[in-house]
């Protein structure tokens, strides 16, 4: 099923327990849609959330609220039932916010166009951590809950690992040949996968982040703009040619195409029951794909490993060894300043309106 949003959507997210999907649009609006298996998408709410583009959206508080981040540097929390604003931080960042993720039940993380990452405590209603490890925009983030580490990718061509327990930058990769656009953690925490502008998937072994241990090149030259983890062995890729693909990791292979848009893919998300895949692109369309039906025919399609330099790379590498980000041997000197702080009332995230 699909619907024309009337404007390009930069971010989507599914409700954690209901058949609701949220979309943040380039015109600053937030849309909420209800769906089921037998009917089309029905818009339940339209909110003018931001003055500029709404770049990211996430449900929080068990789906009671939805948080949006914008190019206007603000973060807004909206009540799902009423559509009213319940919290607003006008100057969350000094630069436009590009990405937003859930970290724990009570914390979220945001990344901006200047490479700054902030972690927000929604109970204390304040910024708890700030990291400035990158020199360009934060393209994507993911979180390793067992070790309390935040992994970020950037347009500066590096990947960073920030430790929320110590409030320090733990590790940073060498400069890649291209921008890193997307990131997921797979293989039960042993591999970090990053999509690049030139279409390669870079595979990093956890604890060894200076350089990738493997590359998968079969998606090249189409940039891998977004990645969505399906399970520990499979990831869904969204590329600038509009194609959604199911890709196996170690052995590395394209398992099957899933669907397509007419323009580059912007964001992907899975429904609460993993039945539907949501996708948005530069064609103003929100599409929901029935994954159960699509994947039924691929159970016996194991495919052949291809396009990788060393598919035999082990996923049993050691953990947490690469702890010194200052050992980078190439690239310009980069900012590694990090701090843990509770900010004053100007950065009070969930201040009541």
C-alpha atoms as a PDB file:
ATOM      1  CA  UNK A   1       0.000   0.000   0.000  1.00  0.00           C
ATOM      2  CA  UNK A   2       1.148   3.565  -0.593  1.00  0.00           C
ATOM      3  CA  UNK A   3       0.113   7.188  -0.280  1.00  0.00           C
ATOM      4  CA  UNK A   4       1.303  10.478  -1.735  1.00  0.00           C
ATOM      5  CA  UNK A   5       2.393  12.670   1.173  1.00  0.00           C
ATOM      6  CA  UNK A   6       2.335  15.840  -0.890  1.00  0.00           C
ATOM      7  CA  UNK A   7       5.982  16.548  -0.031  1.00  0.00           C
ATOM      8  CA  UNK A   8       9.179  14.557   0.403  1.00  0.00           C
ATOM      9  CA  UNK A   9       9.541  12.755   3.732  1.00  0.00           C
ATOM     10  CA  UNK A  10      12.990  12.695   5.322  1.00  0.00           C
ATOM     11  CA  UNK A  11      12.134  10.375   8.210  1.00  0.00           C
ATOM     12  CA  UNK A  12       9.588   7.699   9.190  1.00  0.00           C
ATOM     13  CA  UNK A  13       8.969   5.555  12.266  1.00  0.00           C
ATOM     14  CA  UNK A  14       6.395   2.960  13.327  1.00  0.00           C
ATOM     15  CA  UNK A  15       4.517   2.996  16.618  1.00  0.00           C
ATOM     16  CA  UNK A  16       5.931   0.330  19.002  1.00  0.00           C
ATOM     17  CA  UNK A  17       2.578  -1.440  19.502  1.00  0.00           C
ATOM     18  CA  UNK A  18      -0.131   0.062  17.252  1.00  0.00           C
ATOM     19  CA  UNK A  19      -0.632   0.153  13.479  1.00  0.00           C
ATOM     20  CA  UNK A  20       0.549   3.748  13.204  1.00  0.00           C
ATOM     21  CA  UNK A  21       3.364   5.205  11.136  1.00  0.00           C
ATOM     22  CA  UNK A  22       4.774   8.728  11.432  1.00  0.00           C
ATOM     23  CA  UNK A  23       6.433  10.734   8.664  1.00  0.00           C
ATOM     24  CA  UNK A  24       8.437  13.950   8.962  1.00  0.00           C
ATOM     25  CA  UNK A  25       8.216  16.103   5.831  1.00  0.00           C
ATOM     26  CA  UNK A  26      10.469  18.598   4.103  1.00  0.00           C
ATOM     27  CA  UNK A  27       7.889  21.337   4.680  1.00  0.00           C
ATOM     28  CA  UNK A  28       8.101  20.904   8.468  1.00  0.00           C
ATOM     29  CA  UNK A  29       4.881  18.921   8.891  1.00  0.00           C
ATOM     30  CA  UNK A  30       4.443  15.727  10.881  1.00  0.00           C
ATOM     31  CA  UNK A  31       1.941  13.206   9.507  1.00  0.00           C
ATOM     32  CA  UNK A  32       0.469  10.220  11.374  1.00  0.00           C
ATOM     33  CA  UNK A  33      -1.153   7.394   9.377  1.00  0.00           C
ATOM     34  CA  UNK A  34      -3.105   4.332  10.446  1.00  0.00           C
ATOM     35  CA  UNK A  35      -2.824   1.142   8.397  1.00  0.00           C
ATOM     36  CA  UNK A  36      -3.948  -2.482   8.323  1.00  0.00           C
ATOM     37  CA  UNK A  37      -3.501  -5.435   6.010  1.00  0.00           C
ATOM     38  CA  UNK A  38      -6.738  -4.998   4.080  1.00  0.00           C
ATOM     39  CA  UNK A  39      -7.015  -1.261   3.447  1.00  0.00           C
ATOM     40  CA  UNK A  40      -5.041   1.778   2.412  1.00  0.00           C
ATOM     41  CA  UNK A  41      -3.190   4.232   4.617  1.00  0.00           C
ATOM     42  CA  UNK A  42      -5.477   6.713   6.375  1.00  0.00           C
ATOM     43  CA  UNK A  43      -4.086   9.961   7.728  1.00  0.00           C
ATOM     44  CA  UNK A  44      -5.079  10.526  11.342  1.00  0.00           C
ATOM     45  CA  UNK A  45      -3.151  13.680  12.095  1.00  0.00           C
ATOM     46  CA  UNK A  46      -1.243  16.514  10.439  1.00  0.00           C
ATOM     47  CA  UNK A  47       0.855  18.819  12.621  1.00  0.00           C
ATOM     48  CA  UNK A  48       2.992  21.813  11.665  1.00  0.00           C
ATOM     49  CA  UNK A  49       5.913  20.720  13.819  1.00  0.00           C
ATOM     50  CA  UNK A  50       8.761  22.916  12.566  1.00  0.00           C
ATOM     51  CA  UNK A  51       9.504  26.106  10.674  1.00  0.00           C
ATOM     52  CA  UNK A  52      11.968  24.258   8.435  1.00  0.00           C
ATOM     53  CA  UNK A  53      12.271  20.667   7.219  1.00  0.00           C
ATOM     54  CA  UNK A  54      11.516  17.825   9.627  1.00  0.00           C
ATOM     55  CA  UNK A  55      14.499  15.527   9.130  1.00  0.00           C
ATOM     56  CA  UNK A  56      13.926  12.769  11.681  1.00  0.00           C
ATOM     57  CA  UNK A  57      11.067  11.270  13.689  1.00  0.00           C
ATOM     58  CA  UNK A  58      10.914   8.732  16.548  1.00  0.00           C
ATOM     59  CA  UNK A  59       8.182   7.415  18.839  1.00  0.00           C
ATOM     60  CA  UNK A  60       9.064   7.553  22.563  1.00  0.00           C
ATOM     61  CA  UNK A  61       7.390   6.808  25.922  1.00  0.00           C
ATOM     62  CA  UNK A  62       5.826   3.549  24.659  1.00  0.00           C
ATOM     63  CA  UNK A  63       4.350   5.401  21.713  1.00  0.00           C
ATOM     64  CA  UNK A  64       2.569   8.090  23.718  1.00  0.00           C
ATOM     65  CA  UNK A  65       4.689  10.801  22.134  1.00  0.00           C
ATOM     66  CA  UNK A  66       6.522  11.302  18.885  1.00  0.00           C
ATOM     67  CA  UNK A  67       9.729  13.340  18.743  1.00  0.00           C
ATOM     68  CA  UNK A  68      10.854  15.242  15.656  1.00  0.00           C
ATOM     69  CA  UNK A  69      14.152  16.947  14.828  1.00  0.00           C
ATOM     70  CA  UNK A  70      14.548  19.730  12.314  1.00  0.00           C
ATOM     71  CA  UNK A  71      16.838  21.816  10.173  1.00  0.00           C
ATOM     72  CA  UNK A  72      15.689  24.744  12.337  1.00  0.00           C
ATOM     73  CA  UNK A  73      17.900  23.266  15.128  1.00  0.00           C
ATOM     74  CA  UNK A  74      14.911  22.352  17.303  1.00  0.00           C
ATOM     75  CA  UNK A  75      13.475  19.155  18.794  1.00  0.00           C
ATOM     76  CA  UNK A  76       9.735  18.837  19.415  1.00  0.00           C
ATOM     77  CA  UNK A  77       7.714  16.251  21.353  1.00  0.00           C
ATOM     78  CA  UNK A  78       4.092  15.836  20.214  1.00  0.00           C
ATOM     79  CA  UNK A  79       1.300  13.933  21.948  1.00  0.00           C
ATOM     80  CA  UNK A  80       0.164  11.123  19.652  1.00  0.00           C
ATOM     81  CA  UNK A  81      -3.477  11.132  20.795  1.00  0.00           C
ATOM     82  CA  UNK A  82      -4.113  14.879  20.706  1.00  0.00           C
ATOM     83  CA  UNK A  83      -1.485  16.213  18.318  1.00  0.00           C
ATOM     84  CA  UNK A  84      -0.558  18.937  20.800  1.00  0.00           C
ATOM     85  CA  UNK A  85       3.014  19.981  21.536  1.00  0.00           C
ATOM     86  CA  UNK A  86       4.101  18.748  24.953  1.00  0.00           C
ATOM     87  CA  UNK A  87       7.761  19.817  24.898  1.00  0.00           C
ATOM     88  CA  UNK A  88       9.915  22.009  22.711  1.00  0.00           C
ATOM     89  CA  UNK A  89      13.629  22.757  22.637  1.00  0.00           C
ATOM     90  CA  UNK A  90      14.213  25.599  20.200  1.00  0.00           C
ATOM     91  CA  UNK A  91      18.021  25.538  20.262  1.00  0.00           C
ATOM     92  CA  UNK A  92      18.824  21.892  20.779  1.00  0.00           C
ATOM     93  CA  UNK A  93      21.863  22.235  18.501  1.00  0.00           C
ATOM     94  CA  UNK A  94      23.816  25.130  17.050  1.00  0.00           C
ATOM     95  CA  UNK A  95      23.428  23.598  13.586  1.00  0.00           C
ATOM     96  CA  UNK A  96      20.648  21.866  11.674  1.00  0.00           C
ATOM     97  CA  UNK A  97      19.782  18.450  13.144  1.00  0.00           C
ATOM     98  CA  UNK A  98      20.112  15.610  10.673  1.00  0.00           C
ATOM     99  CA  UNK A  99      19.426  12.398  12.602  1.00  0.00           C
ATOM    100  CA  UNK A 100      17.630  11.168  15.724  1.00  0.00           C
ATOM    101  CA  UNK A 101      17.507   7.720  17.360  1.00  0.00           C
ATOM    102  CA  UNK A 102      16.151   6.042  20.478  1.00  0.00           C
ATOM    103  CA  UNK A 103      18.957   5.028  22.830  1.00  0.00           C
ATOM    104  CA  UNK A 104      17.220   3.630  25.928  1.00  0.00           C
ATOM    105  CA  UNK A 105      13.671   3.877  27.244  1.00  0.00           C
ATOM    106  CA  UNK A 106      14.496   7.286  28.694  1.00  0.00           C
ATOM    107  CA  UNK A 107      17.178   8.658  26.370  1.00  0.00           C
ATOM    108  CA  UNK A 108      17.440   9.709  22.735  1.00  0.00           C
ATOM    109  CA  UNK A 109      20.407  10.896  20.654  1.00  0.00           C
ATOM    110  CA  UNK A 110      20.578  13.592  17.988  1.00  0.00           C
ATOM    111  CA  UNK A 111      23.282  14.461  15.455  1.00  0.00           C
ATOM    112  CA  UNK A 112      23.700  17.690  13.509  1.00  0.00           C
ATOM    113  CA  UNK A 113      25.214  19.051  10.301  1.00  0.00           C
ATOM    114  CA  UNK A 114      28.455  20.078  12.020  1.00  0.00           C
ATOM    115  CA  UNK A 115      29.267  16.656  13.466  1.00  0.00           C
ATOM    116  CA  UNK A 116      27.941  17.183  17.005  1.00  0.00           C
ATOM    117  CA  UNK A 117      26.129  14.328  18.789  1.00  0.00           C
ATOM    118  CA  UNK A 118      23.993  14.940  21.877  1.00  0.00           C
ATOM    119  CA  UNK A 119      22.272  12.465  24.177  1.00  0.00           C
ATOM    120  CA  UNK A 120      19.093  13.656  25.909  1.00  0.00           C
ATOM    121  CA  UNK A 121      17.664  12.335  29.183  1.00  0.00           C
ATOM    122  CA  UNK A 122      13.892  12.610  28.872  1.00  0.00           C
ATOM    123  CA  UNK A 123      13.341  12.159  32.626  1.00  0.00           C
ATOM    124  CA  UNK A 124      15.752  14.876  33.703  1.00  0.00           C
ATOM    125  CA  UNK A 125      14.731  16.862  30.634  1.00  0.00           C
ATOM    126  CA  UNK A 126      18.281  17.819  29.771  1.00  0.00           C
ATOM    127  CA  UNK A 127      21.328  16.975  27.678  1.00  0.00           C
ATOM    128  CA  UNK A 128      23.391  14.322  29.446  1.00  0.00           C
ATOM    129  CA  UNK A 129      26.249  13.848  26.957  1.00  0.00           C
ATOM    130  CA  UNK A 130      27.790  15.778  24.102  1.00  0.00           C
ATOM    131  CA  UNK A 131      30.407  14.476  21.654  1.00  0.00           C
ATOM    132  CA  UNK A 132      32.212  16.454  18.958  1.00  0.00           C
ATOM    133  CA  UNK A 133      34.231  13.808  17.147  1.00  0.00           C
ATOM    134  CA  UNK A 134      33.324  14.624  13.540  1.00  0.00           C
ATOM    135  CA  UNK A 135      34.087  17.408  11.093  1.00  0.00           C
ATOM    136  CA  UNK A 136      30.998  17.042   8.905  1.00  0.00           C
ATOM    137  CA  UNK A 137      27.327  16.111   9.238  1.00  0.00           C
ATOM    138  CA  UNK A 138      26.185  13.100  11.255  1.00  0.00           C
ATOM    139  CA  UNK A 139      24.561  10.815   8.686  1.00  0.00           C
ATOM    140  CA  UNK A 140      23.344   7.987  10.922  1.00  0.00           C
ATOM    141  CA  UNK A 141      23.642   6.472  14.394  1.00  0.00           C
ATOM    142  CA  UNK A 142      22.970   3.179  16.144  1.00  0.00           C
ATOM    143  CA  UNK A 143      23.320   1.989  19.731  1.00  0.00           C
ATOM    144  CA  UNK A 144      24.931  -1.074  21.339  1.00  0.00           C
ATOM    145  CA  UNK A 145      22.828  -1.467  24.482  1.00  0.00           C
ATOM    146  CA  UNK A 146      24.944  -4.199  26.096  1.00  0.00           C
ATOM    147  CA  UNK A 147      28.055  -2.007  26.164  1.00  0.00           C
ATOM    148  CA  UNK A 148      26.296   1.393  26.272  1.00  0.00           C
ATOM    149  CA  UNK A 149      28.130   2.615  23.187  1.00  0.00           C
ATOM    150  CA  UNK A 150      26.812   4.945  20.518  1.00  0.00           C
ATOM    151  CA  UNK A 151      28.067   4.379  16.971  1.00  0.00           C
ATOM    152  CA  UNK A 152      27.870   7.294  14.524  1.00  0.00           C
ATOM    153  CA  UNK A 153      28.785   7.760  10.856  1.00  0.00           C
ATOM    154  CA  UNK A 154      29.587  11.047   9.203  1.00  0.00           C
ATOM    155  CA  UNK A 155      30.035  12.839   5.926  1.00  0.00           C
ATOM    156  CA  UNK A 156      33.685  13.285   6.905  1.00  0.00           C
ATOM    157  CA  UNK A 157      34.221   9.609   6.033  1.00  0.00           C
ATOM    158  CA  UNK A 158      34.727   8.310   9.565  1.00  0.00           C
ATOM    159  CA  UNK A 159      32.877   6.149  12.063  1.00  0.00           C
ATOM    160  CA  UNK A 160      32.981   6.920  15.799  1.00  0.00           C
ATOM    161  CA  UNK A 161      32.214   4.917  18.934  1.00  0.00           C
ATOM    162  CA  UNK A 162      31.226   6.953  22.002  1.00  0.00           C
ATOM    163  CA  UNK A 163      31.049   5.349  25.443  1.00  0.00           C
ATOM    164  CA  UNK A 164      28.060   6.629  27.423  1.00  0.00           C
ATOM    165  CA  UNK A 165      29.362   5.127  30.661  1.00  0.00           C
ATOM    166  CA  UNK A 166      32.632   7.078  30.568  1.00  0.00           C
ATOM    167  CA  UNK A 167      31.331   9.998  28.457  1.00  0.00           C
ATOM    168  CA  UNK A 168      34.369   9.626  26.196  1.00  0.00           C
ATOM    169  CA  UNK A 169      35.081   8.990  22.549  1.00  0.00           C
ATOM    170  CA  UNK A 170      36.316   5.410  22.619  1.00  0.00           C
ATOM    171  CA  UNK A 171      37.354   4.865  19.025  1.00  0.00           C
ATOM    172  CA  UNK A 172      37.279   6.426  15.577  1.00  0.00           C
ATOM    173  CA  UNK A 173      38.009   4.914  12.184  1.00  0.00           C
ATOM    174  CA  UNK A 174      40.525   6.116   9.653  1.00  0.00           C
ATOM    175  CA  UNK A 175      39.175   8.409   6.963  1.00  0.00           C
ATOM    176  CA  UNK A 176      37.293   6.421   4.333  1.00  0.00           C
ATOM    177  CA  UNK A 177      37.566   7.172   0.659  1.00  0.00           C
ATOM    178  CA  UNK A 178      33.946   8.292   0.671  1.00  0.00           C
ATOM    179  CA  UNK A 179      31.161   9.613   2.875  1.00  0.00           C
ATOM    180  CA  UNK A 180      29.670   7.108   5.325  1.00  0.00           C
ATOM    181  CA  UNK A 181      25.878   7.394   5.040  1.00  0.00           C
ATOM    182  CA  UNK A 182      24.307   4.640   7.143  1.00  0.00           C
ATOM    183  CA  UNK A 183      25.148   2.163   9.888  1.00  0.00           C
ATOM    184  CA  UNK A 184      23.791  -0.975  11.631  1.00  0.00           C
ATOM    185  CA  UNK A 185      25.190  -3.485  14.145  1.00  0.00           C
ATOM    186  CA  UNK A 186      24.856  -7.161  13.176  1.00  0.00           C
ATOM    187  CA  UNK A 187      26.129 -10.675  13.888  1.00  0.00           C
ATOM    188  CA  UNK A 188      25.149 -10.422  17.577  1.00  0.00           C
ATOM    189  CA  UNK A 189      27.222  -7.300  18.054  1.00  0.00           C
ATOM    190  CA  UNK A 190      30.355  -8.565  16.350  1.00  0.00           C
ATOM    191  CA  UNK A 191      30.050  -6.601  13.098  1.00  0.00           C
ATOM    192  CA  UNK A 192      29.261  -2.984  12.268  1.00  0.00           C
ATOM    193  CA  UNK A 193      28.045  -2.390   8.700  1.00  0.00           C
ATOM    194  CA  UNK A 194      28.246   1.027   7.048  1.00  0.00           C
ATOM    195  CA  UNK A 195      26.859   2.111   3.675  1.00  0.00           C
ATOM    196  CA  UNK A 196      28.861   4.566   1.573  1.00  0.00           C
ATOM    197  CA  UNK A 197      28.269   7.099  -1.151  1.00  0.00           C
ATOM    198  CA  UNK A 198      30.070   4.981  -3.743  1.00  0.00           C
ATOM    199  CA  UNK A 199      27.845   1.979  -3.012  1.00  0.00           C
ATOM    200  CA  UNK A 200      30.177  -0.187  -0.952  1.00  0.00           C
ATOM    201  CA  UNK A 201      29.188  -1.774   2.325  1.00  0.00           C
ATOM    202  CA  UNK A 202      32.071  -1.542   4.799  1.00  0.00           C
ATOM    203  CA  UNK A 203      32.207  -4.273   7.452  1.00  0.00           C
ATOM    204  CA  UNK A 204      34.003  -3.415  10.707  1.00  0.00           C
ATOM    205  CA  UNK A 205      34.799  -5.974  13.405  1.00  0.00           C
ATOM    206  CA  UNK A 206      33.699  -4.763  16.825  1.00  0.00           C
ATOM    207  CA  UNK A 207      36.707  -3.513  18.753  1.00  0.00           C
ATOM    208  CA  UNK A 208      38.768  -3.045  15.558  1.00  0.00           C
ATOM    209  CA  UNK A 209      37.433   0.181  14.095  1.00  0.00           C
ATOM    210  CA  UNK A 210      40.519   1.728  12.518  1.00  0.00           C
ATOM    211  CA  UNK A 211      39.801   0.111   9.155  1.00  0.00           C
ATOM    212  CA  UNK A 212      37.115  -2.153   7.766  1.00  0.00           C
ATOM    213  CA  UNK A 213      37.755  -5.894   7.703  1.00  0.00           C
ATOM    214  CA  UNK A 214      35.642  -6.561   4.615  1.00  0.00           C
ATOM    215  CA  UNK A 215      33.886  -4.796   1.720  1.00  0.00           C
ATOM    216  CA  UNK A 216      30.798  -5.747  -0.247  1.00  0.00           C
ATOM    217  CA  UNK A 217      30.723  -4.006  -3.630  1.00  0.00           C
ATOM    218  CA  UNK A 218      27.739  -5.470  -5.505  1.00  0.00           C
ATOM    219  CA  UNK A 219      25.522  -2.443  -4.819  1.00  0.00           C
ATOM    220  CA  UNK A 220      28.050  -0.039  -6.348  1.00  0.00           C
ATOM    221  CA  UNK A 221      27.902   2.554  -7.887  1.00  0.00           C
ATOM    222  CA  UNK A 222      24.555   3.328  -6.239  1.00  0.00           C
ATOM    223  CA  UNK A 223      25.044   5.079  -2.893  1.00  0.00           C
ATOM    224  CA  UNK A 224      23.675   3.161   0.097  1.00  0.00           C
ATOM    225  CA  UNK A 225      21.683   5.973   1.687  1.00  0.00           C
ATOM    226  CA  UNK A 226      19.978   3.919   4.383  1.00  0.00           C
ATOM    227  CA  UNK A 227      20.321   0.535   6.089  1.00  0.00           C
ATOM    228  CA  UNK A 228      17.726  -1.354   8.117  1.00  0.00           C
ATOM    229  CA  UNK A 229      18.622  -4.459  10.088  1.00  0.00           C
ATOM    230  CA  UNK A 230      16.169  -7.313   9.506  1.00  0.00           C
ATOM    231  CA  UNK A 231      17.961  -9.889  11.660  1.00  0.00           C
ATOM    232  CA  UNK A 232      21.526 -10.778  12.629  1.00  0.00           C
ATOM    233  CA  UNK A 233      22.367 -12.045   9.134  1.00  0.00           C
ATOM    234  CA  UNK A 234      20.277  -9.864   6.788  1.00  0.00           C
ATOM    235  CA  UNK A 235      20.006  -6.144   6.170  1.00  0.00           C
ATOM    236  CA  UNK A 236      17.694  -4.122   3.917  1.00  0.00           C
ATOM    237  CA  UNK A 237      19.439  -1.487   1.814  1.00  0.00           C
ATOM    238  CA  UNK A 238      17.958   1.651   0.284  1.00  0.00           C
ATOM    239  CA  UNK A 239      19.970   3.158  -2.551  1.00  0.00           C
ATOM    240  CA  UNK A 240      19.915   6.303  -4.672  1.00  0.00           C
ATOM    241  CA  UNK A 241      18.598   4.320  -7.653  1.00  0.00           C
ATOM    242  CA  UNK A 242      15.354   3.820  -5.697  1.00  0.00           C
ATOM    243  CA  UNK A 243      15.874   0.070  -5.189  1.00  0.00           C
ATOM    244  CA  UNK A 244      15.266  -1.732  -1.897  1.00  0.00           C
ATOM    245  CA  UNK A 245      17.321  -4.909  -1.580  1.00  0.00           C
ATOM    246  CA  UNK A 246      17.663  -7.708   0.936  1.00  0.00           C
ATOM    247  CA  UNK A 247      21.379  -8.338   1.504  1.00  0.00           C
ATOM    248  CA  UNK A 248      23.039 -11.179   3.402  1.00  0.00           C
ATOM    249  CA  UNK A 249      26.082 -10.480   5.563  1.00  0.00           C
ATOM    250  CA  UNK A 250      28.892 -13.078   5.875  1.00  0.00           C
ATOM    251  CA  UNK A 251      28.421 -14.658   3.455  1.00  0.00           C
ATOM    252  CA  UNK A 252      27.907 -11.382   1.599  1.00  0.00           C
ATOM    253  CA  UNK A 253      25.320 -11.537  -1.159  1.00  0.00           C
ATOM    254  CA  UNK A 254      22.292  -9.790  -2.592  1.00  0.00           C
ATOM    255  CA  UNK A 255      19.470 -12.170  -1.681  1.00  0.00           C
ATOM    256  CA  UNK A 256      16.635 -10.477  -3.567  1.00  0.00           C
ATOM    257  CA  UNK A 257      15.089  -7.120  -4.497  1.00  0.00           C
ATOM    258  CA  UNK A 258      12.210  -6.060  -2.234  1.00  0.00           C
ATOM    259  CA  UNK A 259      10.707  -3.072  -4.013  1.00  0.00           C
ATOM    260  CA  UNK A 260      11.418   0.265  -5.634  1.00  0.00           C
ATOM    261  CA  UNK A 261      10.662   3.976  -5.724  1.00  0.00           C
ATOM    262  CA  UNK A 262      11.185   6.253  -8.718  1.00  0.00           C
ATOM    263  CA  UNK A 263      13.757   8.352  -6.864  1.00  0.00           C
ATOM    264  CA  UNK A 264      16.493   7.905  -4.201  1.00  0.00           C
ATOM    265  CA  UNK A 265      15.462   6.207  -0.964  1.00  0.00           C
ATOM    266  CA  UNK A 266      15.375   8.474   2.074  1.00  0.00           C
ATOM    267  CA  UNK A 267      14.406   6.284   5.044  1.00  0.00           C
ATOM    268  CA  UNK A 268      13.309   2.763   6.039  1.00  0.00           C
ATOM    269  CA  UNK A 269      11.496   1.396   9.094  1.00  0.00           C
ATOM    270  CA  UNK A 270       9.907  -1.853  10.322  1.00  0.00           C
ATOM    271  CA  UNK A 271       6.443  -2.132  11.863  1.00  0.00           C
ATOM    272  CA  UNK A 272       6.082  -3.286  15.471  1.00  0.00           C
ATOM    273  CA  UNK A 273       5.264  -6.853  14.369  1.00  0.00           C
ATOM    274  CA  UNK A 274       7.912  -6.878  11.593  1.00  0.00           C
ATOM    275  CA  UNK A 275       5.168  -7.532   9.056  1.00  0.00           C
ATOM    276  CA  UNK A 276       5.506  -4.277   7.122  1.00  0.00           C
ATOM    277  CA  UNK A 277       8.509  -2.436   5.765  1.00  0.00           C
ATOM    278  CA  UNK A 278       7.995   1.303   5.388  1.00  0.00           C
ATOM    279  CA  UNK A 279       9.964   3.315   2.856  1.00  0.00           C
ATOM    280  CA  UNK A 280      10.149   6.940   1.752  1.00  0.00           C
ATOM    281  CA  UNK A 281      11.988   8.515  -1.142  1.00  0.00           C
ATOM    282  CA  UNK A 282      12.368  11.761  -3.052  1.00  0.00           C
ATOM    283  CA  UNK A 283       9.095  11.016  -4.871  1.00  0.00           C
ATOM    284  CA  UNK A 284       6.828  12.143  -1.969  1.00  0.00           C
ATOM    285  CA  UNK A 285       5.528   8.588  -1.588  1.00  0.00           C
ATOM    286  CA  UNK A 286       5.184   6.577   1.610  1.00  0.00           C
ATOM    287  CA  UNK A 287       5.064   2.876   0.779  1.00  0.00           C
ATOM    288  CA  UNK A 288       4.367  -0.081   3.046  1.00  0.00           C
ATOM    289  CA  UNK A 289       5.636  -3.439   1.805  1.00  0.00           C
ATOM    290  CA  UNK A 290       4.257  -6.714   3.184  1.00  0.00           C
ATOM    291  CA  UNK A 291       7.506  -8.425   4.148  1.00  0.00           C
ATOM    292  CA  UNK A 292       5.824 -11.710   5.016  1.00  0.00           C
ATOM    293  CA  UNK A 293       4.586 -12.092   1.456  1.00  0.00           C
ATOM    294  CA  UNK A 294       7.799 -10.806  -0.155  1.00  0.00           C
ATOM    295  CA  UNK A 295      10.118 -13.048   1.841  1.00  0.00           C
ATOM    296  CA  UNK A 296       8.037 -16.219   1.512  1.00  0.00           C
ATOM    297  CA  UNK A 297       9.552 -16.960  -1.865  1.00  0.00           C
ATOM    298  CA  UNK A 298      13.124 -16.313  -0.735  1.00  0.00           C
ATOM    299  CA  UNK A 299      13.421 -18.962   1.984  1.00  0.00           C
ATOM    300  CA  UNK A 300      15.180 -21.344  -0.340  1.00  0.00           C
ATOM    301  CA  UNK A 301      17.155 -18.682  -2.157  1.00  0.00           C
ATOM    302  CA  UNK A 302      20.511 -18.802  -0.458  1.00  0.00           C
ATOM    303  CA  UNK A 303      22.347 -17.228  -3.360  1.00  0.00           C
ATOM    304  CA  UNK A 304      26.076 -17.239  -3.890  1.00  0.00           C
ATOM    305  CA  UNK A 305      28.504 -15.097  -1.961  1.00  0.00           C
ATOM    306  CA  UNK A 306      29.815 -12.403  -4.267  1.00  0.00           C
ATOM    307  CA  UNK A 307      31.278  -8.955  -4.509  1.00  0.00           C
ATOM    308  CA  UNK A 308      33.287  -9.111  -1.280  1.00  0.00           C
ATOM    309  CA  UNK A 309      36.990  -9.048  -0.620  1.00  0.00           C
ATOM    310  CA  UNK A 310      37.210 -11.926   1.791  1.00  0.00           C
ATOM    311  CA  UNK A 311      33.785 -13.378   2.577  1.00  0.00           C
ATOM    312  CA  UNK A 312      35.501 -15.817   4.911  1.00  0.00           C
ATOM    313  CA  UNK A 313      36.233 -13.011   7.375  1.00  0.00           C
ATOM    314  CA  UNK A 314      35.456 -14.334  10.847  1.00  0.00           C
ATOM    315  CA  UNK A 315      32.684 -12.790  12.904  1.00  0.00           C
ATOM    316  CA  UNK A 316      34.352 -13.963  16.109  1.00  0.00           C
ATOM    317  CA  UNK A 317      36.850 -11.148  16.463  1.00  0.00           C
ATOM    318  CA  UNK A 318      37.745  -9.856  19.914  1.00  0.00           C
ATOM    319  CA  UNK A 319      35.786  -7.150  21.653  1.00  0.00           C
ATOM    320  CA  UNK A 320      36.641  -3.694  22.924  1.00  0.00           C
ATOM    321  CA  UNK A 321      40.321  -3.603  22.068  1.00  0.00           C
ATOM    322  CA  UNK A 322      40.482  -0.487  19.941  1.00  0.00           C
ATOM    323  CA  UNK A 323      40.127   1.999  22.759  1.00  0.00           C
ATOM    324  CA  UNK A 324      42.452   4.841  21.803  1.00  0.00           C
ATOM    325  CA  UNK A 325      41.073   7.208  19.134  1.00  0.00           C
ATOM    326  CA  UNK A 326      44.332   9.179  19.069  1.00  0.00           C
ATOM    327  CA  UNK A 327      46.255   6.444  17.211  1.00  0.00           C
ATOM    328  CA  UNK A 328      44.928   7.377  13.787  1.00  0.00           C
ATOM    329  CA  UNK A 329      47.862   7.528  11.386  1.00  0.00           C
ATOM    330  CA  UNK A 330      46.322   9.568   8.593  1.00  0.00           C
ATOM    331  CA  UNK A 331      43.980  12.447   8.001  1.00  0.00           C
ATOM    332  CA  UNK A 332      43.964  15.872   9.544  1.00  0.00           C
ATOM    333  CA  UNK A 333      43.819  16.446  13.256  1.00  0.00           C
ATOM    334  CA  UNK A 334      40.205  16.138  14.252  1.00  0.00           C
ATOM    335  CA  UNK A 335      38.172  17.366  17.194  1.00  0.00           C
ATOM    336  CA  UNK A 336      37.908  14.683  19.890  1.00  0.00           C
ATOM    337  CA  UNK A 337      36.395  16.869  22.573  1.00  0.00           C
ATOM    338  CA  UNK A 338      33.600  15.200  24.503  1.00  0.00           C
ATOM    339  CA  UNK A 339      31.764  16.141  27.631  1.00  0.00           C
ATOM    340  CA  UNK A 340      29.027  14.974  29.960  1.00  0.00           C
ATOM    341  CA  UNK A 341      26.945  17.823  31.211  1.00  0.00           C
ATOM    342  CA  UNK A 342      23.531  18.837  32.395  1.00  0.00           C
ATOM    343  CA  UNK A 343      22.763  22.050  30.564  1.00  0.00           C
ATOM    344  CA  UNK A 344      20.974  25.108  31.825  1.00  0.00           C
ATOM    345  CA  UNK A 345      17.341  25.937  31.183  1.00  0.00           C
ATOM    346  CA  UNK A 346      18.027  26.955  27.561  1.00  0.00           C
ATOM    347  CA  UNK A 347      18.745  23.287  26.824  1.00  0.00           C
ATOM    348  CA  UNK A 348      15.965  21.924  29.003  1.00  0.00           C
ATOM    349  CA  UNK A 349      14.537  19.337  26.638  1.00  0.00           C
ATOM    350  CA  UNK A 350      11.156  18.425  28.045  1.00  0.00           C
ATOM    351  CA  UNK A 351      10.351  21.768  29.616  1.00  0.00           C
ATOM    352  CA  UNK A 352       6.599  22.159  29.757  1.00  0.00           C
ATOM    353  CA  UNK A 353       5.193  24.529  27.191  1.00  0.00           C
END
